[in-house]
Protein backbone atom coordinates (compact mmCIF):
# COMPACT_ATOMS: atom_id res chain seq x y z
CA MET A 1 -20.90 23.24 -19.54
CA GLY A 2 -23.09 23.53 -16.43
CA LEU A 3 -23.45 27.32 -16.55
CA THR A 4 -27.07 28.39 -16.12
CA ASN A 5 -29.25 31.04 -14.57
CA VAL A 6 -31.71 30.42 -11.74
CA TYR A 7 -34.34 29.31 -14.25
CA GLY A 8 -32.13 26.54 -15.65
CA MET A 9 -31.35 28.36 -18.91
CA PRO A 10 -27.88 29.46 -20.03
CA GLY A 11 -27.10 32.94 -18.79
CA ARG A 12 -26.77 35.05 -15.66
CA VAL A 13 -28.00 34.42 -12.12
CA GLY A 14 -30.52 37.22 -12.18
CA SER A 15 -31.26 40.74 -13.39
CA ASN A 16 -29.25 42.38 -10.59
CA ALA A 17 -26.35 39.92 -10.71
CA ASN A 18 -23.25 39.59 -12.82
CA ALA A 19 -22.39 35.97 -12.00
CA GLN A 20 -23.16 32.89 -14.03
CA LEU A 21 -24.57 30.01 -12.03
CA ILE A 22 -22.45 26.85 -12.01
CA ASP A 23 -25.12 24.16 -11.96
CA GLY A 24 -23.85 21.20 -9.93
CA ARG A 25 -26.96 19.16 -10.60
CA THR A 26 -26.38 19.22 -14.37
CA ILE A 27 -22.66 18.51 -14.06
CA GLY A 28 -23.23 15.76 -11.50
CA ALA A 29 -25.84 14.12 -13.71
CA ALA A 30 -23.41 14.12 -16.62
CA LEU A 31 -20.71 12.43 -14.51
CA ARG A 32 -23.17 9.83 -13.24
CA GLU A 33 -24.27 9.08 -16.79
CA GLU A 34 -20.64 8.52 -17.81
CA ILE A 35 -20.22 6.07 -14.91
CA ALA A 36 -23.46 4.24 -15.73
CA THR A 37 -22.44 3.96 -19.38
CA GLU A 38 -19.04 2.51 -18.45
CA ILE A 39 -20.59 -0.09 -16.14
CA ALA A 40 -23.30 -1.00 -18.65
CA GLY A 41 -20.66 -1.47 -21.33
CA ARG A 42 -18.87 -4.24 -19.48
CA PRO A 43 -19.49 -7.88 -20.43
CA ALA A 44 -22.57 -9.43 -18.83
CA ARG A 45 -20.38 -11.92 -16.94
CA ALA A 46 -18.30 -9.14 -15.37
CA ARG A 47 -18.88 -8.44 -11.70
CA ARG A 48 -20.30 -5.03 -10.90
CA PRO A 49 -18.25 -2.70 -8.69
CA GLY A 50 -19.22 -2.97 -5.03
CA LEU A 51 -19.48 -0.21 -2.41
CA ALA A 52 -19.97 -0.96 1.29
CA THR A 53 -21.10 1.71 3.73
CA ILE A 54 -20.78 1.41 7.49
CA LEU A 55 -23.21 3.39 9.63
CA VAL A 56 -22.70 3.29 13.40
CA GLY A 57 -25.72 4.46 15.38
CA ALA A 58 -28.90 6.07 14.11
CA ASP A 59 -28.05 9.72 13.53
CA PRO A 60 -30.90 11.01 11.31
CA ALA A 61 -28.69 13.13 9.05
CA SER A 62 -26.23 10.27 8.57
CA GLU A 63 -29.08 7.90 7.72
CA VAL A 64 -30.23 10.33 5.01
CA TYR A 65 -26.71 10.62 3.58
CA VAL A 66 -26.19 6.86 3.52
CA GLY A 67 -29.58 6.32 1.90
CA SER A 68 -28.77 8.81 -0.85
CA LYS A 69 -25.48 7.02 -1.56
CA HIS A 70 -27.19 3.66 -1.95
CA ARG A 71 -29.81 5.14 -4.28
CA ALA A 72 -27.04 6.69 -6.38
CA CYS A 73 -25.28 3.31 -6.58
CA ALA A 74 -28.46 1.65 -7.83
CA GLU A 75 -28.91 4.31 -10.51
CA VAL A 76 -25.50 3.68 -12.10
CA GLY A 77 -25.24 -0.08 -11.59
CA ILE A 78 -22.95 -0.29 -8.57
CA GLN A 79 -23.69 -3.07 -6.09
CA SER A 80 -24.09 -1.59 -2.60
CA ILE A 81 -23.75 -3.24 0.80
CA ASP A 82 -25.35 -1.55 3.82
CA GLU A 83 -23.60 -2.37 7.10
CA ARG A 84 -25.34 -1.00 10.21
CA LEU A 85 -24.02 -1.22 13.74
CA PRO A 86 -25.52 0.00 17.03
CA ALA A 87 -24.03 3.11 18.60
CA ASN A 88 -22.72 1.01 21.49
CA CYS A 89 -21.17 -1.68 19.24
CA GLY A 90 -17.71 -1.16 20.72
CA GLU A 91 -14.32 -0.77 19.09
CA ASP A 92 -13.74 -4.49 18.48
CA VAL A 93 -16.99 -4.95 16.55
CA LEU A 94 -16.37 -1.95 14.31
CA ALA A 95 -12.76 -2.99 13.68
CA ALA A 96 -13.87 -6.54 12.82
CA THR A 97 -16.49 -5.21 10.40
CA ILE A 98 -13.90 -3.13 8.56
CA GLU A 99 -11.48 -6.06 8.41
CA ARG A 100 -14.19 -8.36 7.02
CA LEU A 101 -14.98 -5.86 4.26
CA ASN A 102 -11.27 -5.41 3.54
CA GLU A 103 -11.10 -9.15 2.83
CA ASP A 104 -14.35 -9.35 0.83
CA ASP A 105 -13.58 -9.62 -2.90
CA ALA A 106 -17.07 -8.36 -3.75
CA VAL A 107 -16.28 -5.03 -2.06
CA ASP A 108 -14.21 -2.50 -4.01
CA GLY A 109 -14.93 0.54 -1.84
CA ILE A 110 -15.56 1.05 1.88
CA LEU A 111 -17.11 4.22 3.27
CA LEU A 112 -17.27 4.77 7.03
CA GLN A 113 -20.03 7.30 7.60
CA LEU A 114 -18.93 10.17 9.85
CA PRO A 115 -19.28 11.37 12.53
CA LEU A 116 -18.94 8.31 14.72
CA PRO A 117 -20.70 8.29 18.09
CA ALA A 118 -18.48 8.89 21.12
CA PRO A 119 -16.16 7.47 22.31
CA LEU A 120 -15.21 6.01 18.91
CA GLU A 121 -12.35 7.97 17.30
CA ALA A 122 -12.74 8.38 13.55
CA ASP A 123 -9.04 8.57 12.62
CA ARG A 124 -8.24 5.19 14.16
CA PHE A 125 -10.97 3.39 12.22
CA ILE A 126 -10.42 5.23 8.96
CA ASP A 127 -6.84 4.00 8.96
CA LEU A 128 -8.05 0.41 9.34
CA ILE A 129 -9.61 0.63 5.87
CA ASP A 130 -7.53 -0.88 3.07
CA PRO A 131 -6.21 2.18 1.16
CA ALA A 132 -7.12 0.44 -2.10
CA LYS A 133 -10.76 0.48 -0.93
CA ASP A 134 -10.69 3.91 0.76
CA VAL A 135 -13.18 5.65 -1.55
CA ASP A 136 -13.38 8.62 0.83
CA GLY A 137 -9.64 9.20 0.37
CA LEU A 138 -9.10 9.79 4.08
CA THR A 139 -6.56 7.15 5.11
CA ALA A 140 -3.10 8.44 5.91
CA ALA A 141 -1.77 6.44 2.95
CA ASN A 142 -4.07 8.14 0.44
CA VAL A 143 -3.53 11.59 1.95
CA GLY A 144 0.21 11.08 1.52
CA ARG A 145 -0.20 9.90 -2.06
CA LEU A 146 -2.28 12.96 -2.87
CA TRP A 147 0.37 15.37 -1.60
CA LEU A 148 3.16 13.44 -3.28
CA GLY A 149 1.33 13.39 -6.59
CA ARG A 150 1.12 9.61 -6.66
CA PRO A 151 -1.87 7.55 -7.81
CA GLY A 152 -4.49 6.94 -5.15
CA LEU A 153 -8.05 7.71 -4.08
CA ALA A 154 -8.78 11.34 -3.22
CA PRO A 155 -11.57 12.85 -1.06
CA CYS A 156 -14.87 13.24 -2.88
CA THR A 157 -15.86 16.83 -2.09
CA PRO A 158 -12.56 18.38 -3.25
CA GLN A 159 -12.76 16.20 -6.35
CA GLY A 160 -16.24 17.61 -6.87
CA VAL A 161 -14.88 21.15 -6.73
CA ILE A 162 -12.32 20.28 -9.41
CA GLU A 163 -15.02 18.69 -11.58
CA LEU A 164 -17.15 21.82 -11.27
CA LEU A 165 -14.28 24.06 -12.29
CA GLU A 166 -13.09 21.92 -15.18
CA ARG A 167 -16.49 20.98 -16.59
CA SER A 168 -17.69 24.59 -16.46
CA GLU A 169 -14.47 25.57 -18.26
CA ARG A 170 -13.10 27.80 -15.50
CA LYS A 171 -9.34 27.98 -15.96
CA ILE A 172 -7.24 26.72 -13.04
CA GLU A 173 -3.64 26.83 -14.32
CA GLY A 174 -1.93 30.10 -13.51
CA ARG A 175 -4.85 31.37 -11.42
CA GLU A 176 -4.79 32.60 -7.83
CA ALA A 177 -6.91 30.29 -5.65
CA VAL A 178 -7.94 31.11 -2.09
CA ILE A 179 -9.52 28.44 0.10
CA VAL A 180 -11.23 29.56 3.29
CA GLY A 181 -11.07 26.54 5.59
CA ARG A 182 -8.27 24.07 6.33
CA SER A 183 -10.12 20.87 7.20
CA ALA A 184 -8.77 17.44 6.31
CA LEU A 185 -12.02 16.78 4.43
CA VAL A 186 -11.95 19.76 2.08
CA GLY A 187 -9.45 22.57 2.52
CA LYS A 188 -6.18 20.66 2.72
CA PRO A 189 -6.84 18.07 -0.01
CA LEU A 190 -8.30 20.70 -2.31
CA ALA A 191 -5.12 22.76 -1.90
CA ALA A 192 -3.10 19.75 -3.09
CA MET A 193 -5.40 19.20 -6.08
CA LEU A 194 -5.24 22.84 -7.16
CA LEU A 195 -1.46 22.91 -6.78
CA ALA A 196 -1.24 19.82 -8.97
CA ARG A 197 -3.13 21.78 -11.64
CA ASN A 198 -0.68 24.69 -11.40
CA ALA A 199 -2.79 27.16 -9.46
CA THR A 200 -1.18 29.41 -6.86
CA VAL A 201 -2.93 28.47 -3.62
CA VAL A 202 -3.52 30.32 -0.36
CA VAL A 203 -5.32 28.55 2.50
CA CYS A 204 -7.04 30.87 4.97
CA HIS A 205 -8.43 30.02 8.40
CA SER A 206 -9.62 31.49 11.70
CA ARG A 207 -6.22 33.08 12.40
CA THR A 208 -5.82 34.71 8.98
CA ALA A 209 -5.36 38.48 9.21
CA ASN A 210 -7.25 40.73 6.78
CA LEU A 211 -9.36 37.86 5.47
CA ALA A 212 -11.45 39.96 3.10
CA ALA A 213 -8.36 41.44 1.48
CA ARG A 214 -6.84 37.97 1.04
CA CYS A 215 -10.03 36.68 -0.54
CA ARG A 216 -10.20 39.61 -2.95
CA GLU A 217 -6.92 38.41 -4.48
CA ALA A 218 -8.56 35.19 -5.62
CA ASP A 219 -9.49 34.30 -9.18
CA ILE A 220 -10.98 31.16 -7.62
CA LEU A 221 -12.50 31.56 -4.15
CA VAL A 222 -13.59 28.43 -2.26
CA ALA A 223 -15.59 28.76 0.96
CA ALA A 224 -15.40 25.67 3.19
CA VAL A 225 -15.53 27.03 6.72
CA GLY A 226 -18.97 26.02 8.03
CA VAL A 227 -20.17 29.50 9.00
CA PRO A 228 -23.43 30.65 7.34
CA GLU A 229 -22.94 33.49 4.84
CA MET A 230 -19.55 34.36 6.29
CA LEU A 231 -18.22 35.63 2.96
CA GLY A 232 -19.93 38.57 1.29
CA ALA A 233 -19.40 40.92 -1.62
CA ASP A 234 -16.35 42.53 0.00
CA HIS A 235 -14.58 39.15 -0.08
CA VAL A 236 -14.98 38.68 -3.83
CA LYS A 237 -12.71 39.96 -6.59
CA PRO A 238 -14.78 41.25 -9.53
CA GLY A 239 -15.18 38.43 -12.03
CA ALA A 240 -13.89 35.70 -9.68
CA THR A 241 -15.25 32.15 -9.61
CA VAL A 242 -16.85 31.43 -6.22
CA ILE A 243 -17.30 27.83 -5.07
CA ASP A 244 -19.42 27.47 -1.92
CA VAL A 245 -18.85 24.14 -0.16
CA GLY A 246 -20.79 25.13 2.97
CA ILE A 247 -24.03 23.40 3.95
CA ASN A 248 -25.78 25.15 6.83
CA ARG A 249 -29.33 24.37 7.94
CA ARG A 250 -31.77 26.97 9.14
CA ASP A 251 -35.56 27.09 9.42
CA ASP A 252 -36.11 28.31 5.85
CA GLY A 253 -33.76 25.79 4.24
CA LEU A 254 -30.09 25.31 3.39
CA ILE A 255 -27.61 28.12 2.93
CA GLY A 256 -23.91 28.19 2.20
CA ASP A 257 -20.87 29.92 3.64
CA VAL A 258 -21.25 32.66 1.02
CA ASP A 259 -23.89 35.40 0.95
CA PHE A 260 -25.13 34.25 -2.44
CA VAL A 261 -27.11 37.34 -3.42
CA ALA A 262 -24.37 39.81 -2.47
CA ALA A 263 -21.51 37.76 -3.94
CA SER A 264 -23.42 37.19 -7.20
CA ARG A 265 -23.30 40.91 -7.94
CA VAL A 266 -19.49 40.81 -8.00
CA ALA A 267 -18.45 37.29 -9.03
CA GLY A 268 -18.06 36.04 -12.58
CA ALA A 269 -19.46 32.60 -11.72
CA ILE A 270 -20.84 31.08 -8.53
CA THR A 271 -22.25 27.82 -7.18
CA PRO A 272 -25.61 27.75 -5.39
CA VAL A 273 -26.48 26.00 -2.13
CA PRO A 274 -28.09 23.55 -2.53
CA GLY A 275 -27.36 22.33 -6.05
CA GLY A 276 -23.69 23.23 -6.33
CA VAL A 277 -20.95 21.07 -4.86
CA GLY A 278 -23.29 18.57 -3.17
CA PRO A 279 -24.33 16.60 -6.27
CA LEU A 280 -20.68 16.26 -7.28
CA THR A 281 -19.65 14.79 -3.93
CA ILE A 282 -21.80 11.70 -4.42
CA ALA A 283 -20.93 11.49 -8.13
CA CYS A 284 -17.23 11.45 -7.21
CA LEU A 285 -17.87 8.73 -4.63
CA LEU A 286 -19.31 6.60 -7.43
CA SER A 287 -16.35 7.49 -9.63
CA ASN A 288 -13.90 6.48 -6.88
CA THR A 289 -15.67 3.14 -6.48
CA VAL A 290 -15.28 2.40 -10.19
CA LYS A 291 -11.66 3.56 -10.07
CA ALA A 292 -10.98 1.25 -7.11
CA ALA A 293 -12.59 -1.66 -8.96
CA ARG A 294 -10.40 -1.03 -12.00
CA ALA A 295 -7.25 -0.84 -9.88
CA ARG A 296 -8.14 -4.13 -8.19
CA GLY A 297 -8.41 -5.82 -11.58
CA VAL A 298 -12.16 -6.43 -11.47
CA TRP A 299 -12.50 -5.54 -15.16
CA SER A 300 -9.13 -6.73 -16.44
């Protein structure tokens, strides 16, 4: 189920807390194992799914993220292709790289690592990716399909939130869900996914009045705003499920957008940072790659 305490055993977060810990590492490992089992079960002659990443420049954080994605591919049996371009490669070179991968039958998924160095504009190049290979779910075509309830590839982090909720058996249908943050990467697509599962959804942002009061209405509270420990105990309805998408670096490590200790005393269940949503993001990227391969008839 993925509900543990801080010591990895089923139970509560700690002696002064009410919340159960939703363990993203355990849930993510289970999803990866399912993917690995599916790939291993295909005939030996079958081509493995292929994921291509494109990294422009040498941003240290982006290099770490790309490296972790390739290691995850190797663990489950996905073939990975690592495309690296200099920061000054120019628009034509990047566009040509995407087009080449669009045409490559060995590539089922294409991931353009963000952010891109200036002056390259991410939206333009994302929309050059074949929607059938858009494993980040960010092309306009896939965004439209998500909101229309049509089949397509959806963004990985919101998918990870849904996996955490469903695999930890937190009910979504009929619940009040509040998302703090309206980004195209998390807040907006997650709203569509929760609506599709019959939650009542409110999306809050920097102009929302009485934010704490809005948040206290939530049975499911998702923090995806990028401000360290912005949400505290006064934002949490007693017994609510709190999903912290935030990743904020400081000298003593990573923290989320939620004050974990304070919120844990009020919430019914909560994700940690790190070890909550993060492991599911990469697991859902792998899942999207396999889904794209299936849709392209690789295993038919």
